Amino acid sequence: MRDPNGRFLPGGPSANPGGRPALLEGVREAAKQHTPQAIETLAGIMNDPAAPPAARTAAATSLLDRAWGRPGQSLDMTLKGPDIALSHHEALRELTTRKRTDEDEPVAH
């Protein structure tokens, strides 16, 4: 079942009941055996002045991503709603400036 926004409701059917498909046995290990050659190929493309700039850039990016990880992404956002920090500050100011009365509960120290 889905809600009006199209999200699955808790307790409903899974969007992927079988889970993530398993790789065929040995495919990952077989691919890893080609790592040195793949890196040499990428480096060759990156260093080839006759290669198209897009190919050289893609090769360089692939090498850097594998060596250092992908760079973090920045996020610029504006939150809408009450400023909770300001609300807390105002409540604390009110508590510290008001006069204590007999109706106030004693504060345990």
N, C-alpha and C. Protein backbone atom coordinates (compact mmCIF):
# COMPACT_ATOMS: atom_id res chain seq x y z
N MET A 1 0.84 -1.17 0.00
CA MET A 1 0.00 0.00 0.00
C MET A 1 0.89 1.24 0.00
N ARG A 2 0.39 2.29 -0.64
CA ARG A 2 1.12 3.54 -0.71
C ARG A 2 0.26 4.67 -0.15
N ASP A 3 0.94 5.70 0.36
CA ASP A 3 0.22 6.87 0.84
C ASP A 3 -0.07 7.78 -0.35
N PRO A 4 -0.79 8.89 -0.16
CA PRO A 4 -1.11 9.78 -1.29
C PRO A 4 0.11 10.34 -2.01
N ASN A 5 1.28 10.36 -1.34
CA ASN A 5 2.49 10.85 -1.98
C ASN A 5 3.26 9.76 -2.70
N GLY A 6 2.75 8.53 -2.69
CA GLY A 6 3.39 7.44 -3.41
C GLY A 6 4.40 6.65 -2.60
N ARG A 7 4.59 7.01 -1.32
CA ARG A 7 5.55 6.28 -0.48
C ARG A 7 4.88 5.02 0.06
N PHE A 8 5.69 3.98 0.26
CA PHE A 8 5.16 2.75 0.83
C PHE A 8 4.78 2.97 2.28
N LEU A 9 3.66 2.43 2.68
CA LEU A 9 3.22 2.52 4.07
C LEU A 9 3.90 1.43 4.88
N PRO A 10 4.18 1.69 6.16
CA PRO A 10 4.79 0.65 7.00
C PRO A 10 3.91 -0.59 7.04
N GLY A 11 4.56 -1.74 6.99
CA GLY A 11 3.83 -3.00 7.04
C GLY A 11 3.31 -3.45 5.69
N GLY A 12 3.51 -2.65 4.66
CA GLY A 12 3.04 -3.01 3.33
C GLY A 12 4.05 -3.89 2.62
N PRO A 13 3.78 -4.20 1.36
CA PRO A 13 4.71 -5.06 0.61
C PRO A 13 6.02 -4.33 0.33
N SER A 14 7.07 -5.09 0.22
CA SER A 14 8.38 -4.53 -0.07
C SER A 14 8.49 -4.19 -1.55
N ALA A 15 9.20 -3.12 -1.84
CA ALA A 15 9.43 -2.75 -3.24
C ALA A 15 10.44 -3.71 -3.88
N ASN A 16 11.21 -4.40 -3.06
CA ASN A 16 12.23 -5.32 -3.56
C ASN A 16 12.22 -6.56 -2.67
N PRO A 17 11.21 -7.42 -2.82
CA PRO A 17 11.06 -8.54 -1.90
C PRO A 17 12.21 -9.54 -1.94
N GLY A 18 12.89 -9.64 -3.06
CA GLY A 18 14.01 -10.59 -3.16
C GLY A 18 15.31 -10.03 -2.63
N GLY A 19 15.32 -8.77 -2.29
CA GLY A 19 16.55 -8.14 -1.85
C GLY A 19 17.44 -7.81 -3.02
N ARG A 20 18.64 -7.41 -2.71
CA ARG A 20 19.61 -7.06 -3.74
C ARG A 20 20.05 -8.32 -4.47
N PRO A 21 20.06 -8.30 -5.80
CA PRO A 21 20.46 -9.51 -6.51
C PRO A 21 21.94 -9.82 -6.27
N ALA A 22 22.23 -11.08 -6.05
CA ALA A 22 23.60 -11.51 -5.81
C ALA A 22 24.36 -11.56 -7.13
N LEU A 23 25.63 -11.18 -7.08
CA LEU A 23 26.46 -11.30 -8.28
C LEU A 23 26.71 -12.78 -8.55
N LEU A 24 26.88 -13.09 -9.80
CA LEU A 24 27.22 -14.47 -10.12
C LEU A 24 28.52 -14.83 -9.41
N GLU A 25 28.59 -16.06 -8.96
CA GLU A 25 29.76 -16.52 -8.21
C GLU A 25 31.04 -16.26 -9.00
N GLY A 26 31.95 -15.55 -8.39
CA GLY A 26 33.26 -15.34 -9.00
C GLY A 26 33.37 -14.15 -9.94
N VAL A 27 32.27 -13.49 -10.27
CA VAL A 27 32.33 -12.38 -11.23
C VAL A 27 33.15 -11.22 -10.65
N ARG A 28 32.90 -10.90 -9.39
CA ARG A 28 33.63 -9.80 -8.77
C ARG A 28 35.12 -10.12 -8.71
N GLU A 29 35.46 -11.32 -8.30
CA GLU A 29 36.88 -11.70 -8.21
C GLU A 29 37.52 -11.71 -9.60
N ALA A 30 36.80 -12.16 -10.60
CA ALA A 30 37.35 -12.17 -11.96
C ALA A 30 37.60 -10.74 -12.44
N ALA A 31 36.69 -9.83 -12.11
CA ALA A 31 36.87 -8.44 -12.51
C ALA A 31 38.06 -7.81 -11.79
N LYS A 32 38.26 -8.17 -10.52
CA LYS A 32 39.38 -7.61 -9.76
C LYS A 32 40.72 -8.00 -10.36
N GLN A 33 40.78 -9.13 -11.02
CA GLN A 33 42.04 -9.57 -11.64
C GLN A 33 42.47 -8.62 -12.76
N HIS A 34 41.54 -7.86 -13.30
CA HIS A 34 41.84 -6.94 -14.40
C HIS A 34 42.14 -5.52 -13.91
N THR A 35 42.19 -5.33 -12.60
CA THR A 35 42.41 -3.99 -12.04
C THR A 35 43.70 -3.34 -12.53
N PRO A 36 44.85 -4.03 -12.46
CA PRO A 36 46.08 -3.37 -12.93
C PRO A 36 46.01 -2.92 -14.39
N GLN A 37 45.46 -3.78 -15.24
CA GLN A 37 45.35 -3.43 -16.66
C GLN A 37 44.37 -2.27 -16.86
N ALA A 38 43.28 -2.27 -16.10
CA ALA A 38 42.30 -1.19 -16.23
C ALA A 38 42.92 0.15 -15.80
N ILE A 39 43.69 0.12 -14.74
CA ILE A 39 44.33 1.36 -14.28
C ILE A 39 45.35 1.84 -15.31
N GLU A 40 46.10 0.91 -15.88
CA GLU A 40 47.06 1.28 -16.93
C GLU A 40 46.34 1.89 -18.13
N THR A 41 45.19 1.31 -18.48
CA THR A 41 44.42 1.84 -19.61
C THR A 41 43.92 3.25 -19.31
N LEU A 42 43.38 3.45 -18.11
CA LEU A 42 42.91 4.78 -17.74
C LEU A 42 44.06 5.79 -17.74
N ALA A 43 45.20 5.39 -17.18
CA ALA A 43 46.35 6.29 -17.16
C ALA A 43 46.84 6.58 -18.58
N GLY A 44 46.80 5.58 -19.44
CA GLY A 44 47.21 5.78 -20.84
C GLY A 44 46.31 6.78 -21.55
N ILE A 45 45.01 6.65 -21.33
CA ILE A 45 44.06 7.59 -21.95
C ILE A 45 44.28 8.99 -21.40
N MET A 46 44.46 9.09 -20.08
CA MET A 46 44.65 10.38 -19.43
C MET A 46 45.90 11.09 -19.98
N ASN A 47 46.96 10.32 -20.25
CA ASN A 47 48.23 10.89 -20.69
C ASN A 47 48.38 11.00 -22.19
N ASP A 48 47.36 10.57 -22.94
CA ASP A 48 47.45 10.59 -24.41
C ASP A 48 46.98 11.93 -24.94
N PRO A 49 47.90 12.78 -25.44
CA PRO A 49 47.49 14.09 -25.94
C PRO A 49 46.55 14.00 -27.15
N ALA A 50 46.55 12.86 -27.84
CA ALA A 50 45.68 12.72 -29.01
C ALA A 50 44.25 12.30 -28.61
N ALA A 51 44.07 11.87 -27.37
CA ALA A 51 42.73 11.46 -26.92
C ALA A 51 41.85 12.68 -26.75
N PRO A 52 40.55 12.53 -26.99
CA PRO A 52 39.64 13.66 -26.81
C PRO A 52 39.70 14.16 -25.36
N PRO A 53 39.60 15.46 -25.17
CA PRO A 53 39.64 16.01 -23.81
C PRO A 53 38.62 15.37 -22.86
N ALA A 54 37.44 15.05 -23.36
CA ALA A 54 36.41 14.44 -22.50
C ALA A 54 36.87 13.07 -22.01
N ALA A 55 37.52 12.31 -22.88
CA ALA A 55 38.02 10.99 -22.49
C ALA A 55 39.15 11.12 -21.48
N ARG A 56 40.05 12.09 -21.71
CA ARG A 56 41.16 12.30 -20.77
C ARG A 56 40.63 12.72 -19.40
N THR A 57 39.64 13.59 -19.40
CA THR A 57 39.05 14.05 -18.13
C THR A 57 38.35 12.90 -17.42
N ALA A 58 37.59 12.10 -18.16
CA ALA A 58 36.88 10.97 -17.55
C ALA A 58 37.88 9.97 -16.96
N ALA A 59 38.96 9.71 -17.66
CA ALA A 59 39.98 8.78 -17.17
C ALA A 59 40.63 9.33 -15.90
N ALA A 60 40.97 10.61 -15.91
CA ALA A 60 41.60 11.22 -14.74
C ALA A 60 40.64 11.19 -13.54
N THR A 61 39.38 11.49 -13.78
CA THR A 61 38.39 11.47 -12.71
C THR A 61 38.24 10.07 -12.13
N SER A 62 38.20 9.08 -13.00
CA SER A 62 38.08 7.69 -12.54
C SER A 62 39.27 7.29 -11.68
N LEU A 63 40.46 7.68 -12.10
CA LEU A 63 41.65 7.35 -11.31
C LEU A 63 41.63 8.04 -9.96
N LEU A 64 41.30 9.33 -9.95
CA LEU A 64 41.25 10.06 -8.69
C LEU A 64 40.18 9.51 -7.75
N ASP A 65 39.01 9.19 -8.30
CA ASP A 65 37.93 8.64 -7.48
C ASP A 65 38.34 7.32 -6.84
N ARG A 66 39.03 6.49 -7.59
CA ARG A 66 39.44 5.20 -7.05
C ARG A 66 40.57 5.33 -6.04
N ALA A 67 41.43 6.32 -6.25
CA ALA A 67 42.56 6.50 -5.34
C ALA A 67 42.16 7.22 -4.06
N TRP A 68 41.33 8.26 -4.18
CA TRP A 68 41.05 9.13 -3.03
C TRP A 68 39.59 9.13 -2.60
N GLY A 69 38.74 8.44 -3.34
CA GLY A 69 37.30 8.48 -3.05
C GLY A 69 36.67 9.67 -3.74
N ARG A 70 35.38 9.58 -3.91
CA ARG A 70 34.67 10.69 -4.56
C ARG A 70 34.61 11.88 -3.62
N PRO A 71 34.69 13.07 -4.17
CA PRO A 71 34.62 14.26 -3.31
C PRO A 71 33.23 14.40 -2.70
N GLY A 72 33.18 15.01 -1.52
CA GLY A 72 31.90 15.24 -0.87
C GLY A 72 31.07 16.24 -1.65
N GLN A 73 29.78 16.15 -1.49
CA GLN A 73 28.89 17.08 -2.17
C GLN A 73 28.44 18.14 -1.18
N SER A 74 28.43 19.37 -1.64
CA SER A 74 27.93 20.43 -0.76
C SER A 74 26.42 20.55 -0.96
N LEU A 75 25.78 21.06 0.05
CA LEU A 75 24.34 21.19 0.01
C LEU A 75 23.99 22.58 0.52
N ASP A 76 23.26 23.32 -0.28
CA ASP A 76 22.82 24.65 0.11
C ASP A 76 21.32 24.59 0.29
N MET A 77 20.85 24.83 1.51
CA MET A 77 19.41 24.75 1.73
C MET A 77 18.98 25.78 2.75
N THR A 78 17.73 26.13 2.67
CA THR A 78 17.14 27.07 3.61
C THR A 78 16.01 26.33 4.32
N LEU A 79 16.08 26.31 5.64
CA LEU A 79 15.04 25.66 6.42
C LEU A 79 13.94 26.66 6.71
N LYS A 80 12.72 26.21 6.56
CA LYS A 80 11.57 27.06 6.86
C LYS A 80 10.93 26.57 8.14
N GLY A 81 10.47 27.47 8.92
CA GLY A 81 9.83 27.10 10.18
C GLY A 81 10.39 27.94 11.30
N PRO A 82 9.94 27.65 12.50
CA PRO A 82 10.39 28.48 13.63
C PRO A 82 11.87 28.24 13.92
N ASP A 83 12.52 29.29 14.40
CA ASP A 83 13.91 29.19 14.82
C ASP A 83 13.91 28.65 16.24
N ILE A 84 14.16 27.36 16.38
CA ILE A 84 14.08 26.72 17.69
C ILE A 84 15.10 27.29 18.66
N ALA A 85 16.30 27.56 18.18
CA ALA A 85 17.33 28.13 19.06
C ALA A 85 16.86 29.46 19.62
N LEU A 86 16.28 30.30 18.78
CA LEU A 86 15.78 31.60 19.24
C LEU A 86 14.63 31.41 20.22
N SER A 87 13.74 30.47 19.94
CA SER A 87 12.63 30.20 20.85
C SER A 87 13.13 29.76 22.21
N HIS A 88 14.13 28.89 22.25
CA HIS A 88 14.70 28.43 23.51
C HIS A 88 15.36 29.60 24.25
N HIS A 89 16.08 30.41 23.49
CA HIS A 89 16.76 31.57 24.10
C HIS A 89 15.73 32.51 24.74
N GLU A 90 14.65 32.78 24.03
CA GLU A 90 13.61 33.66 24.56
C GLU A 90 12.96 33.05 25.79
N ALA A 91 12.71 31.75 25.80
CA ALA A 91 12.11 31.09 26.95
C ALA A 91 13.05 31.15 28.15
N LEU A 92 14.33 30.94 27.92
CA LEU A 92 15.30 31.04 29.02
C LEU A 92 15.37 32.46 29.58
N ARG A 93 15.35 33.43 28.67
CA ARG A 93 15.39 34.83 29.12
C ARG A 93 14.17 35.15 29.97
N GLU A 94 13.02 34.66 29.56
CA GLU A 94 11.78 34.90 30.31
C GLU A 94 11.87 34.24 31.69
N LEU A 95 12.38 33.03 31.74
CA LEU A 95 12.50 32.33 33.01
C LEU A 95 13.47 33.01 33.96
N THR A 96 14.54 33.55 33.43
CA THR A 96 15.55 34.16 34.30
C THR A 96 15.18 35.58 34.71
N THR A 97 14.30 36.23 33.98
CA THR A 97 13.97 37.61 34.31
C THR A 97 12.67 37.75 35.09
N ARG A 98 11.82 36.77 35.09
CA ARG A 98 10.55 36.93 35.81
C ARG A 98 10.78 36.77 37.30
N LYS A 99 9.91 37.36 38.07
CA LYS A 99 10.01 37.28 39.52
C LYS A 99 9.42 35.97 40.00
N ARG A 100 10.09 35.39 40.94
CA ARG A 100 9.63 34.13 41.51
C ARG A 100 8.44 34.42 42.42
N THR A 101 7.38 33.58 42.29
CA THR A 101 6.20 33.71 43.16
C THR A 101 6.07 32.44 43.99
N ASP A 102 5.16 32.50 44.96
CA ASP A 102 4.92 31.33 45.80
C ASP A 102 4.31 30.18 45.01
N GLU A 103 3.68 30.49 43.87
CA GLU A 103 3.05 29.43 43.07
C GLU A 103 4.06 28.63 42.27
N ASP A 104 5.25 29.19 42.08
CA ASP A 104 6.28 28.47 41.34
C ASP A 104 6.75 27.26 42.15
N GLU A 105 7.05 26.20 41.45
CA GLU A 105 7.58 25.02 42.12
C GLU A 105 9.03 25.27 42.50
N PRO A 106 9.47 24.77 43.64
CA PRO A 106 10.86 24.95 44.02
C PRO A 106 11.77 24.21 43.05
N VAL A 107 12.94 24.77 42.85
CA VAL A 107 13.91 24.19 41.94
C VAL A 107 14.88 23.34 42.75
N ALA A 108 15.05 22.07 42.39
CA ALA A 108 15.99 21.19 43.10
C ALA A 108 17.40 21.48 42.62
N HIS A 109 18.34 21.59 43.51
CA HIS A 109 19.73 21.85 43.15
C HIS A 109 20.58 20.67 43.49
